[in-house]
Amino acid sequence: MPIIADKKKRERIIALLEKAYWMEMETVMNYIAASTNLDGVRAEEIKKSLAADVTAELGHAQLFAKRIKTLSGIVPGSQGFEAEQSFLQPPKRTTDVVSIIKGVIAAEESAIAHYNTVIKECDGIDYVTQDMVITILTDEQDHLREFEGFLKEYETK
């Protein structure tokens, strides 16, 4: 017997987890690009932060994948991927740190909004997924706050 007996509810939660999985995987790709492509003395702190966040975001993707499998879903392969983060693409100028900071903020805000949806969808149905996503949400809120702080510094210069 599946963990969530109601097939429609289980499929809805799995679909939300798959979206979360892809959001994290796309963020990993874009953080790697940004942490590699940025140039300049002022970019160093941002590059270090993004490089460190790759590990956290990849860990989130792995948690989502494991939960999809636990709920009797199939973790999608690369052919299921559709890019959505137009706001976090490499800028033409490799010293355009502000566009990367704003892109990270947009990515984190998008993740936070989606994870709040997952949390609500799981309420009263799947407390394990809900608890996991609440924990991941905490990480995303911390990342958001960090990059909002970076943006404040850049906007005052």
N, C-alpha and C. Protein backbone atom coordinates (compact mmCIF):
# COMPACT_ATOMS: atom_id res chain seq x y z
N MET A 1 0.85 -1.19 0.00
CA MET A 1 0.00 0.00 0.00
C MET A 1 0.89 1.24 0.00
N PRO A 2 0.58 2.21 -0.87
CA PRO A 2 1.39 3.43 -0.93
C PRO A 2 1.29 4.24 0.37
N ILE A 3 2.30 5.07 0.59
CA ILE A 3 2.34 5.90 1.80
C ILE A 3 1.14 6.84 1.85
N ILE A 4 0.76 7.40 0.71
CA ILE A 4 -0.43 8.25 0.64
C ILE A 4 -1.44 7.46 -0.20
N ALA A 5 -2.48 6.98 0.45
CA ALA A 5 -3.44 6.10 -0.21
C ALA A 5 -4.23 6.80 -1.32
N ASP A 6 -4.56 8.06 -1.12
CA ASP A 6 -5.32 8.81 -2.13
C ASP A 6 -4.40 9.09 -3.32
N LYS A 7 -4.66 8.39 -4.42
CA LYS A 7 -3.78 8.46 -5.59
C LYS A 7 -3.67 9.88 -6.14
N LYS A 8 -4.77 10.61 -6.23
CA LYS A 8 -4.73 11.97 -6.79
C LYS A 8 -3.89 12.90 -5.92
N LYS A 9 -4.05 12.78 -4.61
CA LYS A 9 -3.26 13.63 -3.70
C LYS A 9 -1.79 13.27 -3.78
N ARG A 10 -1.49 11.98 -3.83
CA ARG A 10 -0.10 11.53 -3.94
C ARG A 10 0.52 12.04 -5.24
N GLU A 11 -0.19 11.92 -6.34
CA GLU A 11 0.32 12.37 -7.63
C GLU A 11 0.53 13.89 -7.63
N ARG A 12 -0.35 14.62 -6.97
CA ARG A 12 -0.21 16.08 -6.89
C ARG A 12 1.06 16.44 -6.11
N ILE A 13 1.28 15.76 -4.98
CA ILE A 13 2.47 16.03 -4.17
C ILE A 13 3.73 15.65 -4.95
N ILE A 14 3.71 14.52 -5.63
CA ILE A 14 4.87 14.10 -6.42
C ILE A 14 5.15 15.13 -7.51
N ALA A 15 4.12 15.64 -8.18
CA ALA A 15 4.32 16.65 -9.23
C ALA A 15 4.96 17.91 -8.65
N LEU A 16 4.52 18.32 -7.47
CA LEU A 16 5.11 19.49 -6.82
C LEU A 16 6.57 19.23 -6.44
N LEU A 17 6.86 18.02 -5.99
CA LEU A 17 8.24 17.65 -5.65
C LEU A 17 9.12 17.60 -6.89
N GLU A 18 8.57 17.12 -8.00
CA GLU A 18 9.34 17.10 -9.25
C GLU A 18 9.69 18.52 -9.68
N LYS A 19 8.74 19.44 -9.57
CA LYS A 19 9.02 20.84 -9.91
C LYS A 19 10.11 21.39 -8.99
N ALA A 20 10.03 21.09 -7.71
CA ALA A 20 11.04 21.54 -6.75
C ALA A 20 12.41 20.94 -7.10
N TYR A 21 12.43 19.68 -7.47
CA TYR A 21 13.66 19.01 -7.89
C TYR A 21 14.30 19.74 -9.07
N TRP A 22 13.50 20.05 -10.09
CA TRP A 22 14.03 20.74 -11.26
C TRP A 22 14.47 22.16 -10.93
N MET A 23 13.74 22.83 -10.06
CA MET A 23 14.15 24.18 -9.65
C MET A 23 15.54 24.15 -9.03
N GLU A 24 15.77 23.18 -8.16
CA GLU A 24 17.08 23.05 -7.50
C GLU A 24 18.17 22.69 -8.51
N MET A 25 17.87 21.78 -9.42
CA MET A 25 18.87 21.37 -10.41
C MET A 25 19.25 22.54 -11.33
N GLU A 26 18.24 23.33 -11.73
CA GLU A 26 18.53 24.48 -12.58
C GLU A 26 19.34 25.53 -11.81
N THR A 27 19.02 25.71 -10.55
CA THR A 27 19.76 26.65 -9.71
C THR A 27 21.22 26.21 -9.60
N VAL A 28 21.44 24.92 -9.43
CA VAL A 28 22.82 24.41 -9.37
C VAL A 28 23.57 24.78 -10.65
N MET A 29 22.97 24.54 -11.80
CA MET A 29 23.63 24.87 -13.07
C MET A 29 23.96 26.36 -13.15
N ASN A 30 23.00 27.19 -12.78
CA ASN A 30 23.21 28.63 -12.88
C ASN A 30 24.18 29.17 -11.84
N TYR A 31 24.19 28.58 -10.66
CA TYR A 31 25.16 29.01 -9.64
C TYR A 31 26.57 28.62 -10.04
N ILE A 32 26.72 27.45 -10.65
CA ILE A 32 28.05 27.05 -11.14
C ILE A 32 28.51 28.03 -12.21
N ALA A 33 27.63 28.36 -13.15
CA ALA A 33 27.99 29.30 -14.22
C ALA A 33 28.37 30.66 -13.63
N ALA A 34 27.54 31.17 -12.73
CA ALA A 34 27.80 32.50 -12.16
C ALA A 34 29.09 32.50 -11.33
N SER A 35 29.30 31.46 -10.55
CA SER A 35 30.49 31.44 -9.69
C SER A 35 31.77 31.24 -10.50
N THR A 36 31.63 30.81 -11.71
CA THR A 36 32.78 30.63 -12.60
C THR A 36 32.99 31.85 -13.50
N ASN A 37 31.91 32.41 -14.02
CA ASN A 37 32.00 33.48 -15.02
C ASN A 37 32.30 34.86 -14.47
N LEU A 38 31.89 35.15 -13.25
CA LEU A 38 32.07 36.51 -12.72
C LEU A 38 33.55 36.86 -12.61
N ASP A 39 33.86 38.11 -12.92
CA ASP A 39 35.22 38.63 -12.83
C ASP A 39 35.26 39.86 -11.94
N GLY A 40 36.44 40.13 -11.39
CA GLY A 40 36.66 41.35 -10.64
C GLY A 40 36.78 41.12 -9.15
N VAL A 41 37.46 42.04 -8.51
CA VAL A 41 37.69 41.98 -7.07
C VAL A 41 36.37 41.96 -6.31
N ARG A 42 35.43 42.80 -6.75
CA ARG A 42 34.15 42.90 -6.05
C ARG A 42 33.32 41.63 -6.20
N ALA A 43 33.61 40.81 -7.18
CA ALA A 43 32.84 39.60 -7.42
C ALA A 43 33.26 38.43 -6.53
N GLU A 44 34.41 38.52 -5.92
CA GLU A 44 34.97 37.36 -5.21
C GLU A 44 34.05 36.82 -4.11
N GLU A 45 33.49 37.68 -3.30
CA GLU A 45 32.61 37.22 -2.21
C GLU A 45 31.36 36.55 -2.76
N ILE A 46 30.81 37.10 -3.82
CA ILE A 46 29.62 36.52 -4.46
C ILE A 46 29.96 35.15 -5.04
N LYS A 47 31.09 35.06 -5.71
CA LYS A 47 31.51 33.79 -6.30
C LYS A 47 31.68 32.72 -5.22
N LYS A 48 32.31 33.08 -4.11
CA LYS A 48 32.51 32.12 -3.01
C LYS A 48 31.17 31.67 -2.44
N SER A 49 30.27 32.60 -2.25
CA SER A 49 28.96 32.27 -1.70
C SER A 49 28.19 31.35 -2.63
N LEU A 50 28.19 31.67 -3.93
CA LEU A 50 27.48 30.83 -4.90
C LEU A 50 28.10 29.43 -4.98
N ALA A 51 29.41 29.35 -4.98
CA ALA A 51 30.08 28.05 -5.04
C ALA A 51 29.70 27.19 -3.83
N ALA A 52 29.63 27.82 -2.67
CA ALA A 52 29.22 27.09 -1.46
C ALA A 52 27.75 26.69 -1.53
N ASP A 53 26.91 27.55 -2.09
CA ASP A 53 25.48 27.26 -2.19
C ASP A 53 25.17 26.12 -3.16
N VAL A 54 26.06 25.86 -4.11
CA VAL A 54 25.85 24.75 -5.04
C VAL A 54 25.66 23.46 -4.26
N THR A 55 26.49 23.24 -3.26
CA THR A 55 26.40 22.02 -2.46
C THR A 55 25.05 21.94 -1.75
N ALA A 56 24.61 23.04 -1.17
CA ALA A 56 23.32 23.06 -0.47
C ALA A 56 22.17 22.79 -1.43
N GLU A 57 22.19 23.45 -2.58
CA GLU A 57 21.10 23.29 -3.55
C GLU A 57 21.07 21.88 -4.13
N LEU A 58 22.25 21.31 -4.39
CA LEU A 58 22.31 19.93 -4.86
C LEU A 58 21.77 18.97 -3.79
N GLY A 59 22.09 19.25 -2.54
CA GLY A 59 21.55 18.45 -1.44
C GLY A 59 20.04 18.51 -1.39
N HIS A 60 19.48 19.69 -1.65
CA HIS A 60 18.01 19.83 -1.68
C HIS A 60 17.44 18.97 -2.81
N ALA A 61 18.06 19.03 -3.99
CA ALA A 61 17.60 18.23 -5.12
C ALA A 61 17.62 16.74 -4.78
N GLN A 62 18.66 16.31 -4.09
CA GLN A 62 18.76 14.90 -3.70
C GLN A 62 17.65 14.52 -2.71
N LEU A 63 17.34 15.42 -1.79
CA LEU A 63 16.24 15.16 -0.85
C LEU A 63 14.91 15.05 -1.58
N PHE A 64 14.68 15.95 -2.54
CA PHE A 64 13.44 15.88 -3.31
C PHE A 64 13.36 14.59 -4.10
N ALA A 65 14.48 14.19 -4.71
CA ALA A 65 14.51 12.95 -5.48
C ALA A 65 14.19 11.75 -4.60
N LYS A 66 14.81 11.69 -3.46
CA LYS A 66 14.57 10.56 -2.55
C LYS A 66 13.10 10.51 -2.11
N ARG A 67 12.52 11.68 -1.85
CA ARG A 67 11.12 11.71 -1.40
C ARG A 67 10.18 11.31 -2.53
N ILE A 68 10.48 11.74 -3.76
CA ILE A 68 9.68 11.32 -4.91
C ILE A 68 9.65 9.80 -4.98
N LYS A 69 10.81 9.18 -4.87
CA LYS A 69 10.91 7.71 -4.92
C LYS A 69 10.15 7.07 -3.76
N THR A 70 10.30 7.63 -2.57
CA THR A 70 9.61 7.08 -1.39
C THR A 70 8.09 7.11 -1.57
N LEU A 71 7.60 8.13 -2.27
CA LEU A 71 6.16 8.25 -2.50
C LEU A 71 5.69 7.46 -3.72
N SER A 72 6.57 6.55 -4.21
CA SER A 72 6.26 5.67 -5.35
C SER A 72 6.29 6.40 -6.69
N GLY A 73 6.99 7.51 -6.75
CA GLY A 73 7.16 8.22 -8.02
C GLY A 73 8.45 7.80 -8.69
N ILE A 74 8.67 8.33 -9.86
CA ILE A 74 9.90 8.08 -10.62
C ILE A 74 10.64 9.41 -10.74
N VAL A 75 11.87 9.45 -10.30
CA VAL A 75 12.68 10.66 -10.40
C VAL A 75 12.99 10.86 -11.89
N PRO A 76 12.65 12.04 -12.43
CA PRO A 76 12.84 12.26 -13.87
C PRO A 76 14.30 12.40 -14.27
N GLY A 77 14.58 12.01 -15.50
CA GLY A 77 15.90 12.19 -16.09
C GLY A 77 15.97 13.50 -16.85
N SER A 78 17.10 13.75 -17.47
CA SER A 78 17.37 15.06 -18.08
C SER A 78 16.38 15.44 -19.18
N GLN A 79 15.75 14.48 -19.84
CA GLN A 79 14.82 14.84 -20.90
C GLN A 79 13.54 15.47 -20.36
N GLY A 80 13.33 15.38 -19.06
CA GLY A 80 12.18 16.03 -18.45
C GLY A 80 12.44 17.47 -18.06
N PHE A 81 13.66 17.93 -18.28
CA PHE A 81 14.05 19.28 -17.83
C PHE A 81 13.62 20.35 -18.82
N GLU A 82 13.02 21.42 -18.28
CA GLU A 82 12.68 22.61 -19.06
C GLU A 82 13.17 23.82 -18.28
N ALA A 83 14.11 24.54 -18.84
CA ALA A 83 14.70 25.70 -18.16
C ALA A 83 13.65 26.79 -17.96
N GLU A 84 13.71 27.45 -16.80
CA GLU A 84 12.77 28.53 -16.47
C GLU A 84 13.47 29.77 -15.93
N GLN A 85 14.73 29.66 -15.53
CA GLN A 85 15.40 30.76 -14.84
C GLN A 85 16.06 31.75 -15.81
N SER A 86 15.25 32.43 -16.60
CA SER A 86 15.79 33.43 -17.52
C SER A 86 16.47 34.57 -16.75
N PHE A 87 16.07 34.78 -15.52
CA PHE A 87 16.59 35.86 -14.69
C PHE A 87 17.98 35.57 -14.12
N LEU A 88 18.50 34.38 -14.32
CA LEU A 88 19.79 34.02 -13.73
C LEU A 88 20.78 33.52 -14.79
N GLN A 89 20.64 34.04 -15.98
CA GLN A 89 21.55 33.67 -17.06
C GLN A 89 22.82 34.52 -16.99
N PRO A 90 23.93 34.01 -17.51
CA PRO A 90 25.18 34.77 -17.46
C PRO A 90 25.03 36.12 -18.16
N PRO A 91 25.46 37.19 -17.50
CA PRO A 91 25.38 38.51 -18.12
C PRO A 91 26.45 38.66 -19.21
N LYS A 92 26.21 39.59 -20.14
CA LYS A 92 27.19 39.83 -21.21
C LYS A 92 28.51 40.34 -20.64
N ARG A 93 28.39 41.19 -19.61
CA ARG A 93 29.61 41.70 -18.94
C ARG A 93 29.88 40.80 -17.74
N THR A 94 31.04 40.23 -17.69
CA THR A 94 31.36 39.31 -16.59
C THR A 94 31.60 40.02 -15.27
N THR A 95 31.58 41.34 -15.29
CA THR A 95 31.71 42.12 -14.04
C THR A 95 30.35 42.62 -13.54
N ASP A 96 29.27 42.21 -14.18
CA ASP A 96 27.92 42.63 -13.80
C ASP A 96 27.43 41.79 -12.62
N VAL A 97 27.98 42.08 -11.48
CA VAL A 97 27.66 41.33 -10.26
C VAL A 97 26.22 41.57 -9.83
N VAL A 98 25.72 42.79 -10.00
CA VAL A 98 24.38 43.13 -9.55
C VAL A 98 23.32 42.28 -10.25
N SER A 99 23.48 42.04 -11.56
CA SER A 99 22.48 41.22 -12.24
C SER A 99 22.46 39.80 -11.69
N ILE A 100 23.61 39.28 -11.31
CA ILE A 100 23.67 37.94 -10.71
C ILE A 100 23.00 37.96 -9.34
N ILE A 101 23.30 38.97 -8.54
CA ILE A 101 22.68 39.07 -7.21
C ILE A 101 21.16 39.13 -7.35
N LYS A 102 20.68 39.94 -8.26
CA LYS A 102 19.23 40.05 -8.47
C LYS A 102 18.65 38.74 -8.99
N GLY A 103 19.39 38.04 -9.83
CA GLY A 103 18.95 36.73 -10.32
C GLY A 103 18.84 35.71 -9.21
N VAL A 104 19.81 35.72 -8.30
CA VAL A 104 19.78 34.81 -7.15
C VAL A 104 18.57 35.13 -6.28
N ILE A 105 18.33 36.40 -6.04
CA ILE A 105 17.17 36.81 -5.24
C ILE A 105 15.88 36.31 -5.90
N ALA A 106 15.76 36.47 -7.20
CA ALA A 106 14.58 35.99 -7.91
C ALA A 106 14.43 34.47 -7.80
N ALA A 107 15.54 33.75 -7.92
CA ALA A 107 15.51 32.29 -7.80
C ALA A 107 15.06 31.87 -6.41
N GLU A 108 15.60 32.52 -5.39
CA GLU A 108 15.25 32.18 -4.01
C GLU A 108 13.78 32.53 -3.73
N GLU A 109 13.32 33.67 -4.22
CA GLU A 109 11.92 34.04 -4.02
C GLU A 109 10.98 33.05 -4.70
N SER A 110 11.36 32.60 -5.88
CA SER A 110 10.56 31.61 -6.61
C SER A 110 10.51 30.29 -5.85
N ALA A 111 11.67 29.87 -5.34
CA ALA A 111 11.72 28.63 -4.56
C ALA A 111 10.87 28.75 -3.30
N ILE A 112 11.00 29.86 -2.61
CA ILE A 112 10.23 30.07 -1.37
C ILE A 112 8.73 30.00 -1.66
N ALA A 113 8.29 30.65 -2.72
CA ALA A 113 6.86 30.63 -3.07
C ALA A 113 6.41 29.19 -3.37
N HIS A 114 7.22 28.47 -4.14
CA HIS A 114 6.83 27.09 -4.49
C HIS A 114 6.83 26.20 -3.25
N TYR A 115 7.82 26.35 -2.39
CA TYR A 115 7.89 25.49 -1.22
C TYR A 115 6.75 25.77 -0.25
N ASN A 116 6.30 27.00 -0.18
CA ASN A 116 5.12 27.30 0.62
C ASN A 116 3.89 26.59 0.06
N THR A 117 3.79 26.49 -1.27
CA THR A 117 2.70 25.75 -1.90
C THR A 117 2.78 24.28 -1.53
N VAL A 118 3.98 23.71 -1.59
CA VAL A 118 4.16 22.30 -1.24
C VAL A 118 3.76 22.05 0.21
N ILE A 119 4.19 22.93 1.09
CA ILE A 119 3.88 22.80 2.52
C ILE A 119 2.37 22.79 2.74
N LYS A 120 1.66 23.70 2.09
CA LYS A 120 0.20 23.76 2.22
C LYS A 120 -0.46 22.52 1.65
N GLU A 121 0.02 22.06 0.51
CA GLU A 121 -0.55 20.87 -0.15
C GLU A 121 -0.39 19.62 0.72
N CYS A 122 0.70 19.56 1.47
CA CYS A 122 0.99 18.38 2.30
C CYS A 122 0.27 18.41 3.65
N ASP A 123 -0.26 19.56 4.04
CA ASP A 123 -0.84 19.70 5.37
C ASP A 123 -1.99 18.70 5.58
N GLY A 124 -1.85 17.92 6.62
CA GLY A 124 -2.86 16.93 6.96
C GLY A 124 -2.79 15.67 6.13
N ILE A 125 -1.86 15.60 5.17
CA ILE A 125 -1.77 14.46 4.26
C ILE A 125 -0.41 13.76 4.38
N ASP A 126 0.65 14.55 4.36
CA ASP A 126 2.01 14.01 4.31
C ASP A 126 2.93 14.88 5.15
N TYR A 127 2.97 14.58 6.43
CA TYR A 127 3.76 15.40 7.36
C TYR A 127 5.26 15.22 7.17
N VAL A 128 5.69 14.08 6.67
CA VAL A 128 7.12 13.87 6.46
C VAL A 128 7.64 14.79 5.34
N THR A 129 6.92 14.82 4.22
CA THR A 129 7.30 15.73 3.13
C THR A 129 7.20 17.17 3.60
N GLN A 130 6.15 17.47 4.32
CA GLN A 130 5.95 18.84 4.81
C GLN A 130 7.12 19.27 5.69
N ASP A 131 7.53 18.41 6.61
CA ASP A 131 8.65 18.73 7.50
C ASP A 131 9.95 18.92 6.71
N MET A 132 10.18 18.05 5.74
CA MET A 132 11.39 18.16 4.92
C MET A 132 11.42 19.50 4.18
N VAL A 133 10.30 19.87 3.60
CA VAL A 133 10.23 21.10 2.81
C VAL A 133 10.35 22.32 3.72
N ILE A 134 9.80 22.25 4.91
CA ILE A 134 9.96 23.36 5.87
C ILE A 134 11.45 23.57 6.18
N THR A 135 12.18 22.49 6.35
CA THR A 135 13.61 22.59 6.62
C THR A 135 14.34 23.21 5.43
N ILE A 136 14.01 22.77 4.21
CA ILE A 136 14.62 23.32 3.01
C ILE A 136 14.24 24.79 2.86
N LEU A 137 13.01 25.12 3.18
CA LEU A 137 12.55 26.52 3.11
C LEU A 137 13.41 27.42 3.99
N THR A 138 13.79 26.93 5.14
CA THR A 138 14.66 27.70 6.04
C THR A 138 15.98 28.05 5.35
N ASP A 139 16.57 27.07 4.65
CA ASP A 139 17.81 27.31 3.91
C ASP A 139 17.61 28.37 2.84
N GLU A 140 16.51 28.27 2.11
CA GLU A 140 16.24 29.22 1.03
C GLU A 140 16.03 30.63 1.57
N GLN A 141 15.37 30.74 2.70
CA GLN A 141 15.18 32.05 3.32
C GLN A 141 16.51 32.64 3.76
N ASP A 142 17.40 31.80 4.28
CA ASP A 142 18.74 32.26 4.66
C ASP A 142 19.52 32.76 3.43
N HIS A 143 19.44 32.00 2.33
CA HIS A 143 20.13 32.41 1.09
C HIS A 143 19.56 33.74 0.59
N LEU A 144 18.25 33.86 0.63
CA LEU A 144 17.60 35.10 0.18
C LEU A 144 18.10 36.28 1.00
N ARG A 145 18.10 36.14 2.29
CA ARG A 145 18.53 37.23 3.17
C ARG A 145 19.99 37.60 2.91
N GLU A 146 20.84 36.61 2.70
CA GLU A 146 22.25 36.86 2.42
C GLU A 146 22.41 37.70 1.15
N PHE A 147 21.69 37.34 0.09
CA PHE A 147 21.84 38.06 -1.17
C PHE A 147 21.12 39.40 -1.15
N GLU A 148 20.07 39.55 -0.37
CA GLU A 148 19.48 40.87 -0.18
C GLU A 148 20.49 41.80 0.49
N GLY A 149 21.26 41.25 1.42
CA GLY A 149 22.33 42.03 2.06
C GLY A 149 23.41 42.43 1.07
N PHE A 150 23.80 41.50 0.18
CA PHE A 150 24.79 41.82 -0.85
C PHE A 150 24.26 42.95 -1.73
N LEU A 151 22.98 42.87 -2.11
CA LEU A 151 22.41 43.88 -2.99
C LEU A 151 22.40 45.25 -2.33
N LYS A 152 22.10 45.30 -1.04
CA LYS A 152 22.13 46.58 -0.32
C LYS A 152 23.51 47.22 -0.43
N GLU A 153 24.53 46.41 -0.24
CA GLU A 153 25.90 46.93 -0.31
C GLU A 153 26.22 47.46 -1.71
N TYR A 154 25.83 46.73 -2.74
CA TYR A 154 26.12 47.15 -4.10
C TYR A 154 25.32 48.37 -4.51
N GLU A 155 24.10 48.49 -4.02
CA GLU A 155 23.25 49.62 -4.40
C GLU A 155 23.68 50.92 -3.71
N THR A 156 24.43 50.83 -2.62
CA THR A 156 24.89 52.03 -1.95
C THR A 156 26.20 52.56 -2.52
N LYS A 157 26.85 51.78 -3.39
CA LYS A 157 28.15 52.20 -3.96
C LYS A 157 27.95 53.02 -5.20
